[in-house]
Amino acid sequence: MWLHVVTSLGWMALALTLLALLALSVSDPAHAASATAMAHFLDTVLLAPLANASASTGLVLSLGTAWGLIHQRWVLTKFALTLGQLYAGIFLLSDALGETAATVHAEPALVAGTAAMAGALGFQAWLSVTKPWPRTRWARHRDTGRPVRLPTAPAALFAAAVLAPLVDIAVGTVVGFPTPVLSLLSVVAAAVVRRRALRAPRAAGRMQYGDTAAAIGETRP
């Protein structure tokens, strides 16, 4: 939780910094070259690693705790926004910033997109604090209507989820570009652990039902 909060705040702070730099490049041509170059540098060196770490730790928290990923509307909304931001940041914003640094000309659309990213991050922060809206339909068992009780993942998984982005950031610093490999693996591990934990009670229930049925069958004449 600590790492998720710190990296999320850093992500939003860098988004606001990029917004200020790009706005400066549009409004003041004399400083456009330095502003766009700095924006591209901060996006590659700081914003991308912080965004990856924020996303991975948030997903592990969802998949490894009782909150779940699709059981709370505010968590599901944050998940959808995070996926959209990662896609826009990796495939749209980063490329556009690279071209802007090369041409020393920031388009107003790029400024608007950066403002939208910062606004979305602020909205996600509000969701985390207020936790609005009721649960989704997946929060209750379809047959009984009872609330789904989600198990908590082992402590080792959370420890790995903390170390993974730190190692990824160190490797990315060496190679010169973000490499969120271990962060992605930690999310996959959390999903696998959650799936196995949810399937275990079902398997135990089927075994208990089979033993009961066999016992009834043995008592029949």
C-alpha atoms as a PDB file:
ATOM      1  CA  MET A   1       0.000   0.000   0.000  1.00  0.00           C
ATOM      2  CA  TRP A   2       2.842   2.388   0.889  1.00  0.00           C
ATOM      3  CA  LEU A   3       4.624   1.816  -2.419  1.00  0.00           C
ATOM      4  CA  HIS A   4       1.367   2.120  -4.351  1.00  0.00           C
ATOM      5  CA  VAL A   5       0.536   5.469  -2.739  1.00  0.00           C
ATOM      6  CA  VAL A   6       4.061   6.855  -3.184  1.00  0.00           C
ATOM      7  CA  THR A   7       4.341   5.846  -6.837  1.00  0.00           C
ATOM      8  CA  SER A   8       0.803   7.051  -7.612  1.00  0.00           C
ATOM      9  CA  LEU A   9       1.557  10.465  -6.126  1.00  0.00           C
ATOM     10  CA  GLY A  10       4.813  10.558  -8.080  1.00  0.00           C
ATOM     11  CA  TRP A  11       2.953   9.639 -11.273  1.00  0.00           C
ATOM     12  CA  MET A  12       0.484  12.494 -10.778  1.00  0.00           C
ATOM     13  CA  ALA A  13       3.252  14.954  -9.838  1.00  0.00           C
ATOM     14  CA  LEU A  14       5.178  14.072 -13.001  1.00  0.00           C
ATOM     15  CA  ALA A  15       2.016  14.412 -15.088  1.00  0.00           C
ATOM     16  CA  LEU A  16       1.505  17.932 -13.710  1.00  0.00           C
ATOM     17  CA  THR A  17       5.170  18.719 -14.348  1.00  0.00           C
ATOM     18  CA  LEU A  18       4.862  17.587 -17.967  1.00  0.00           C
ATOM     19  CA  LEU A  19       1.731  19.699 -18.295  1.00  0.00           C
ATOM     20  CA  ALA A  20       3.594  22.788 -17.040  1.00  0.00           C
ATOM     21  CA  LEU A  21       6.567  22.167 -19.352  1.00  0.00           C
ATOM     22  CA  LEU A  22       4.422  21.569 -22.427  1.00  0.00           C
ATOM     23  CA  ALA A  23       2.299  24.621 -21.675  1.00  0.00           C
ATOM     24  CA  LEU A  24       5.518  26.635 -21.410  1.00  0.00           C
ATOM     25  CA  SER A  25       6.745  25.335 -24.765  1.00  0.00           C
ATOM     26  CA  VAL A  26       3.484  26.402 -26.412  1.00  0.00           C
ATOM     27  CA  SER A  27       3.250  29.822 -24.780  1.00  0.00           C
ATOM     28  CA  ASP A  28       6.936  30.774 -24.866  1.00  0.00           C
ATOM     29  CA  PRO A  29       8.825  29.758 -28.051  1.00  0.00           C
ATOM     30  CA  ALA A  30      12.094  31.013 -26.577  1.00  0.00           C
ATOM     31  CA  HIS A  31      12.024  28.199 -24.004  1.00  0.00           C
ATOM     32  CA  ALA A  32      10.312  25.596 -26.206  1.00  0.00           C
ATOM     33  CA  ALA A  33      13.462  23.572 -26.914  1.00  0.00           C
ATOM     34  CA  SER A  34      14.522  23.164 -23.289  1.00  0.00           C
ATOM     35  CA  ALA A  35      10.943  22.612 -22.080  1.00  0.00           C
ATOM     36  CA  THR A  36      10.144  19.854 -24.584  1.00  0.00           C
ATOM     37  CA  ALA A  37      13.502  18.160 -24.044  1.00  0.00           C
ATOM     38  CA  MET A  38      12.975  18.147 -20.284  1.00  0.00           C
ATOM     39  CA  ALA A  39       9.418  16.827 -20.676  1.00  0.00           C
ATOM     40  CA  HIS A  40      10.648  13.930 -22.818  1.00  0.00           C
ATOM     41  CA  PHE A  41      13.468  13.190 -20.359  1.00  0.00           C
ATOM     42  CA  LEU A  42      11.156  13.160 -17.320  1.00  0.00           C
ATOM     43  CA  ASP A  43       8.624  10.978 -19.123  1.00  0.00           C
ATOM     44  CA  THR A  44      11.232   8.335 -19.936  1.00  0.00           C
ATOM     45  CA  VAL A  45      13.300   8.407 -16.753  1.00  0.00           C
ATOM     46  CA  LEU A  46      10.690   9.041 -14.046  1.00  0.00           C
ATOM     47  CA  LEU A  47       7.064   9.025 -15.176  1.00  0.00           C
ATOM     48  CA  ALA A  48       7.066   5.675 -16.986  1.00  0.00           C
ATOM     49  CA  PRO A  49       8.721   3.708 -14.130  1.00  0.00           C
ATOM     50  CA  LEU A  50       6.441   5.324 -11.541  1.00  0.00           C
ATOM     51  CA  ALA A  51       3.361   4.580 -13.647  1.00  0.00           C
ATOM     52  CA  ASN A  52       4.388   0.943 -14.065  1.00  0.00           C
ATOM     53  CA  ALA A  53       5.065   0.567 -10.343  1.00  0.00           C
ATOM     54  CA  SER A  54       1.789   2.250  -9.400  1.00  0.00           C
ATOM     55  CA  ALA A  55      -0.206   0.021 -11.753  1.00  0.00           C
ATOM     56  CA  SER A  56       1.464  -3.235 -10.719  1.00  0.00           C
ATOM     57  CA  THR A  57       1.213  -2.615  -6.965  1.00  0.00           C
ATOM     58  CA  GLY A  58      -2.409  -1.524  -7.345  1.00  0.00           C
ATOM     59  CA  LEU A  59      -3.288  -4.694  -9.240  1.00  0.00           C
ATOM     60  CA  VAL A  60      -1.533  -6.894  -6.677  1.00  0.00           C
ATOM     61  CA  LEU A  61      -3.413  -5.132  -3.876  1.00  0.00           C
ATOM     62  CA  SER A  62      -6.684  -5.789  -5.675  1.00  0.00           C
ATOM     63  CA  LEU A  63      -5.910  -9.417  -6.477  1.00  0.00           C
ATOM     64  CA  GLY A  64      -4.286 -10.182  -3.131  1.00  0.00           C
ATOM     65  CA  THR A  65      -6.716  -8.621  -0.653  1.00  0.00           C
ATOM     66  CA  ALA A  66     -10.421  -8.712   0.147  1.00  0.00           C
ATOM     67  CA  TRP A  67     -11.102  -5.718  -2.098  1.00  0.00           C
ATOM     68  CA  GLY A  68     -10.873  -7.785  -5.275  1.00  0.00           C
ATOM     69  CA  LEU A  69     -10.524  -6.512  -8.815  1.00  0.00           C
ATOM     70  CA  ILE A  70     -14.116  -6.682 -10.063  1.00  0.00           C
ATOM     71  CA  HIS A  71     -16.096  -6.781  -6.810  1.00  0.00           C
ATOM     72  CA  GLN A  72     -16.006  -3.065  -5.976  1.00  0.00           C
ATOM     73  CA  ARG A  73     -17.180  -0.517  -8.529  1.00  0.00           C
ATOM     74  CA  TRP A  74     -14.567   2.047  -7.531  1.00  0.00           C
ATOM     75  CA  VAL A  75     -11.757  -0.528  -7.854  1.00  0.00           C
ATOM     76  CA  LEU A  76     -13.067  -1.662 -11.237  1.00  0.00           C
ATOM     77  CA  THR A  77     -13.239   1.968 -12.379  1.00  0.00           C
ATOM     78  CA  LYS A  78      -9.652   2.565 -11.271  1.00  0.00           C
ATOM     79  CA  PHE A  79      -8.586  -0.587 -13.111  1.00  0.00           C
ATOM     80  CA  ALA A  80     -10.224   0.570 -16.359  1.00  0.00           C
ATOM     81  CA  LEU A  81      -8.720   4.047 -16.046  1.00  0.00           C
ATOM     82  CA  THR A  82      -5.277   2.631 -15.306  1.00  0.00           C
ATOM     83  CA  LEU A  83      -5.353   0.414 -18.384  1.00  0.00           C
ATOM     84  CA  GLY A  84      -6.417   3.368 -20.510  1.00  0.00           C
ATOM     85  CA  GLN A  85      -3.704   5.587 -19.066  1.00  0.00           C
ATOM     86  CA  LEU A  86      -0.993   2.981 -19.578  1.00  0.00           C
ATOM     87  CA  TYR A  87      -2.050   2.460 -23.186  1.00  0.00           C
ATOM     88  CA  ALA A  88      -2.228   6.196 -23.878  1.00  0.00           C
ATOM     89  CA  GLY A  89       1.039   6.867 -22.063  1.00  0.00           C
ATOM     90  CA  ILE A  90       3.033   4.092 -23.730  1.00  0.00           C
ATOM     91  CA  PHE A  91       1.682   4.179 -27.275  1.00  0.00           C
ATOM     92  CA  LEU A  92       0.549   7.795 -27.653  1.00  0.00           C
ATOM     93  CA  LEU A  93       2.095  10.200 -25.151  1.00  0.00           C
ATOM     94  CA  SER A  94       5.651   8.841 -25.148  1.00  0.00           C
ATOM     95  CA  ASP A  95       5.900   8.780 -28.949  1.00  0.00           C
ATOM     96  CA  ALA A  96       4.399  12.247 -29.188  1.00  0.00           C
ATOM     97  CA  LEU A  97       6.846  13.583 -26.601  1.00  0.00           C
ATOM     98  CA  GLY A  98       9.754  12.081 -28.547  1.00  0.00           C
ATOM     99  CA  GLU A  99       8.601  13.768 -31.742  1.00  0.00           C
ATOM    100  CA  THR A 100       8.005  17.019 -29.855  1.00  0.00           C
ATOM    101  CA  ALA A 101      11.535  16.974 -28.431  1.00  0.00           C
ATOM    102  CA  ALA A 102      12.922  16.429 -31.920  1.00  0.00           C
ATOM    103  CA  THR A 103      10.847  19.113 -33.643  1.00  0.00           C
ATOM    104  CA  VAL A 104      10.742  21.532 -30.661  1.00  0.00           C
ATOM    105  CA  HIS A 105       7.037  22.108 -31.263  1.00  0.00           C
ATOM    106  CA  ALA A 106       4.354  20.963 -28.823  1.00  0.00           C
ATOM    107  CA  GLU A 107       0.870  20.572 -30.228  1.00  0.00           C
ATOM    108  CA  PRO A 108      -2.056  21.863 -28.133  1.00  0.00           C
ATOM    109  CA  ALA A 109      -3.547  18.360 -28.325  1.00  0.00           C
ATOM    110  CA  LEU A 110      -0.519  17.011 -26.461  1.00  0.00           C
ATOM    111  CA  VAL A 111      -1.039  19.596 -23.723  1.00  0.00           C
ATOM    112  CA  ALA A 112      -4.714  18.613 -23.495  1.00  0.00           C
ATOM    113  CA  GLY A 113      -3.837  14.912 -23.343  1.00  0.00           C
ATOM    114  CA  THR A 114      -1.355  15.497 -20.530  1.00  0.00           C
ATOM    115  CA  ALA A 115      -3.977  17.516 -18.642  1.00  0.00           C
ATOM    116  CA  ALA A 116      -6.455  14.661 -19.100  1.00  0.00           C
ATOM    117  CA  MET A 117      -3.933  12.188 -17.680  1.00  0.00           C
ATOM    118  CA  ALA A 118      -3.340  14.366 -14.621  1.00  0.00           C
ATOM    119  CA  GLY A 119      -7.089  14.814 -14.171  1.00  0.00           C
ATOM    120  CA  ALA A 120      -7.714  11.076 -14.391  1.00  0.00           C
ATOM    121  CA  LEU A 121      -5.055  10.455 -11.741  1.00  0.00           C
ATOM    122  CA  GLY A 122      -6.678  13.031  -9.485  1.00  0.00           C
ATOM    123  CA  PHE A 123     -10.051  11.328  -9.993  1.00  0.00           C
ATOM    124  CA  GLN A 124      -8.513   7.980  -9.085  1.00  0.00           C
ATOM    125  CA  ALA A 125      -7.121   9.504  -5.901  1.00  0.00           C
ATOM    126  CA  TRP A 126     -10.639  10.690  -5.050  1.00  0.00           C
ATOM    127  CA  LEU A 127     -11.992   7.183  -5.669  1.00  0.00           C
ATOM    128  CA  SER A 128      -9.387   5.685  -3.329  1.00  0.00           C
ATOM    129  CA  VAL A 129     -10.345   8.075  -0.533  1.00  0.00           C
ATOM    130  CA  THR A 130     -14.144   8.106  -0.825  1.00  0.00           C
ATOM    131  CA  LYS A 131     -14.723   4.544  -2.132  1.00  0.00           C
ATOM    132  CA  PRO A 132     -18.126   5.433  -3.624  1.00  0.00           C
ATOM    133  CA  TRP A 133     -20.846   3.292  -5.215  1.00  0.00           C
ATOM    134  CA  PRO A 134     -22.166  -0.137  -4.220  1.00  0.00           C
ATOM    135  CA  ARG A 135     -20.560  -3.462  -5.008  1.00  0.00           C
ATOM    136  CA  THR A 136     -20.798  -5.107  -8.397  1.00  0.00           C
ATOM    137  CA  ARG A 137     -22.920  -8.170  -9.154  1.00  0.00           C
ATOM    138  CA  TRP A 138     -19.793 -10.331  -8.965  1.00  0.00           C
ATOM    139  CA  ALA A 139     -19.493  -9.554  -5.250  1.00  0.00           C
ATOM    140  CA  ARG A 140     -22.221 -12.094  -4.449  1.00  0.00           C
ATOM    141  CA  HIS A 141     -22.559 -15.773  -5.228  1.00  0.00           C
ATOM    142  CA  ARG A 142     -24.888 -16.305  -8.135  1.00  0.00           C
ATOM    143  CA  ASP A 143     -26.609 -19.305  -6.545  1.00  0.00           C
ATOM    144  CA  THR A 144     -26.952 -18.267  -2.900  1.00  0.00           C
ATOM    145  CA  GLY A 145     -26.740 -14.488  -3.106  1.00  0.00           C
ATOM    146  CA  ARG A 146     -24.257 -14.426  -0.247  1.00  0.00           C
ATOM    147  CA  PRO A 147     -21.268 -12.057  -0.348  1.00  0.00           C
ATOM    148  CA  VAL A 148     -18.121 -13.493  -1.883  1.00  0.00           C
ATOM    149  CA  ARG A 149     -15.324 -13.704   0.666  1.00  0.00           C
ATOM    150  CA  LEU A 150     -12.006 -13.119  -1.010  1.00  0.00           C
ATOM    151  CA  PRO A 151      -8.894 -14.610   0.613  1.00  0.00           C
ATOM    152  CA  THR A 152      -5.740 -12.640   1.362  1.00  0.00           C
ATOM    153  CA  ALA A 153      -2.597 -13.624  -0.501  1.00  0.00           C
ATOM    154  CA  PRO A 154       0.528 -14.835   1.349  1.00  0.00           C
ATOM    155  CA  ALA A 155       2.918 -12.223   2.681  1.00  0.00           C
ATOM    156  CA  ALA A 156       5.612 -13.473   0.299  1.00  0.00           C
ATOM    157  CA  LEU A 157       3.542 -12.295  -2.665  1.00  0.00           C
ATOM    158  CA  PHE A 158       3.319  -8.753  -1.299  1.00  0.00           C
ATOM    159  CA  ALA A 159       7.047  -8.753  -0.564  1.00  0.00           C
ATOM    160  CA  ALA A 160       7.730  -9.795  -4.155  1.00  0.00           C
ATOM    161  CA  ALA A 161       5.345  -7.108  -5.413  1.00  0.00           C
ATOM    162  CA  VAL A 162       7.370  -4.486  -3.521  1.00  0.00           C
ATOM    163  CA  LEU A 163      10.754  -5.705  -4.710  1.00  0.00           C
ATOM    164  CA  ALA A 164       9.721  -6.278  -8.336  1.00  0.00           C
ATOM    165  CA  PRO A 165       9.222  -2.623  -9.388  1.00  0.00           C
ATOM    166  CA  LEU A 166      12.349  -1.556  -7.511  1.00  0.00           C
ATOM    167  CA  VAL A 167      14.414  -4.101  -9.449  1.00  0.00           C
ATOM    168  CA  ASP A 168      12.662  -3.109 -12.697  1.00  0.00           C
ATOM    169  CA  ILE A 169      13.507   0.558 -12.100  1.00  0.00           C
ATOM    170  CA  ALA A 170      17.157  -0.328 -11.430  1.00  0.00           C
ATOM    171  CA  VAL A 171      17.371  -2.447 -14.586  1.00  0.00           C
ATOM    172  CA  GLY A 172      15.589   0.213 -16.617  1.00  0.00           C
ATOM    173  CA  THR A 173      18.092   2.810 -15.435  1.00  0.00           C
ATOM    174  CA  VAL A 174      20.942   0.638 -16.662  1.00  0.00           C
ATOM    175  CA  VAL A 175      19.474  -0.255 -20.068  1.00  0.00           C
ATOM    176  CA  GLY A 176      18.045   3.220 -20.665  1.00  0.00           C
ATOM    177  CA  PHE A 177      14.333   2.432 -21.024  1.00  0.00           C
ATOM    178  CA  PRO A 178      11.525   1.087 -18.748  1.00  0.00           C
ATOM    179  CA  THR A 179      11.486  -2.702 -18.289  1.00  0.00           C
ATOM    180  CA  PRO A 180       8.511  -3.675 -16.091  1.00  0.00           C
ATOM    181  CA  VAL A 181       9.110  -7.416 -16.505  1.00  0.00           C
ATOM    182  CA  LEU A 182       9.128  -8.443 -12.837  1.00  0.00           C
ATOM    183  CA  SER A 183       6.227  -6.098 -12.066  1.00  0.00           C
ATOM    184  CA  LEU A 184       4.142  -7.840 -14.708  1.00  0.00           C
ATOM    185  CA  LEU A 185       5.150 -11.237 -13.340  1.00  0.00           C
ATOM    186  CA  SER A 186       4.061 -10.182  -9.840  1.00  0.00           C
ATOM    187  CA  VAL A 187       0.601  -9.309 -11.191  1.00  0.00           C
ATOM    188  CA  VAL A 188       0.378 -12.664 -12.986  1.00  0.00           C
ATOM    189  CA  ALA A 189       1.449 -14.447  -9.786  1.00  0.00           C
ATOM    190  CA  ALA A 190      -1.227 -12.596  -7.800  1.00  0.00           C
ATOM    191  CA  ALA A 191      -3.887 -13.617 -10.333  1.00  0.00           C
ATOM    192  CA  VAL A 192      -2.776 -17.267 -10.199  1.00  0.00           C
ATOM    193  CA  VAL A 193      -2.726 -17.308  -6.387  1.00  0.00           C
ATOM    194  CA  ARG A 194      -6.196 -15.731  -6.233  1.00  0.00           C
ATOM    195  CA  ARG A 195      -7.617 -18.203  -8.745  1.00  0.00           C
ATOM    196  CA  ARG A 196      -6.218 -21.192  -6.866  1.00  0.00           C
ATOM    197  CA  ALA A 197      -7.478 -19.858  -3.529  1.00  0.00           C
ATOM    198  CA  LEU A 198     -10.995 -19.429  -4.917  1.00  0.00           C
ATOM    199  CA  ARG A 199     -11.042 -22.858  -6.526  1.00  0.00           C
ATOM    200  CA  ALA A 200      -9.866 -24.676  -3.388  1.00  0.00           C
ATOM    201  CA  PRO A 201     -13.152 -24.264  -1.392  1.00  0.00           C
ATOM    202  CA  ARG A 202     -15.157 -25.397  -4.417  1.00  0.00           C
ATOM    203  CA  ALA A 203     -13.069 -28.528  -4.757  1.00  0.00           C
ATOM    204  CA  ALA A 204     -13.403 -29.191  -1.023  1.00  0.00           C
ATOM    205  CA  GLY A 205     -17.172 -28.714  -1.253  1.00  0.00           C
ATOM    206  CA  ARG A 206     -17.434 -31.178  -4.143  1.00  0.00           C
ATOM    207  CA  MET A 207     -15.376 -33.735  -2.212  1.00  0.00           C
ATOM    208  CA  GLN A 208     -17.568 -33.286   0.865  1.00  0.00           C
ATOM    209  CA  TYR A 209     -20.704 -33.678  -1.247  1.00  0.00           C
ATOM    210  CA  GLY A 210     -19.283 -36.831  -2.831  1.00  0.00           C
ATOM    211  CA  ASP A 211     -18.406 -38.342   0.550  1.00  0.00           C
ATOM    212  CA  THR A 212     -21.883 -37.580   1.864  1.00  0.00           C
ATOM    213  CA  ALA A 213     -23.526 -39.109  -1.189  1.00  0.00           C
ATOM    214  CA  ALA A 214     -21.352 -42.214  -0.874  1.00  0.00           C
ATOM    215  CA  ALA A 215     -22.264 -42.564   2.799  1.00  0.00           C
ATOM    216  CA  ILE A 216     -25.966 -42.311   1.981  1.00  0.00           C
ATOM    217  CA  GLY A 217     -25.536 -44.913  -0.716  1.00  0.00           C
ATOM    218  CA  GLU A 218     -23.826 -47.306   1.702  1.00  0.00           C
ATOM    219  CA  THR A 219     -26.707 -47.051   4.179  1.00  0.00           C
ATOM    220  CA  ARG A 220     -29.326 -47.989   1.616  1.00  0.00           C
ATOM    221  CA  PRO A 221     -30.506 -51.638   1.674  1.00  0.00           C
END
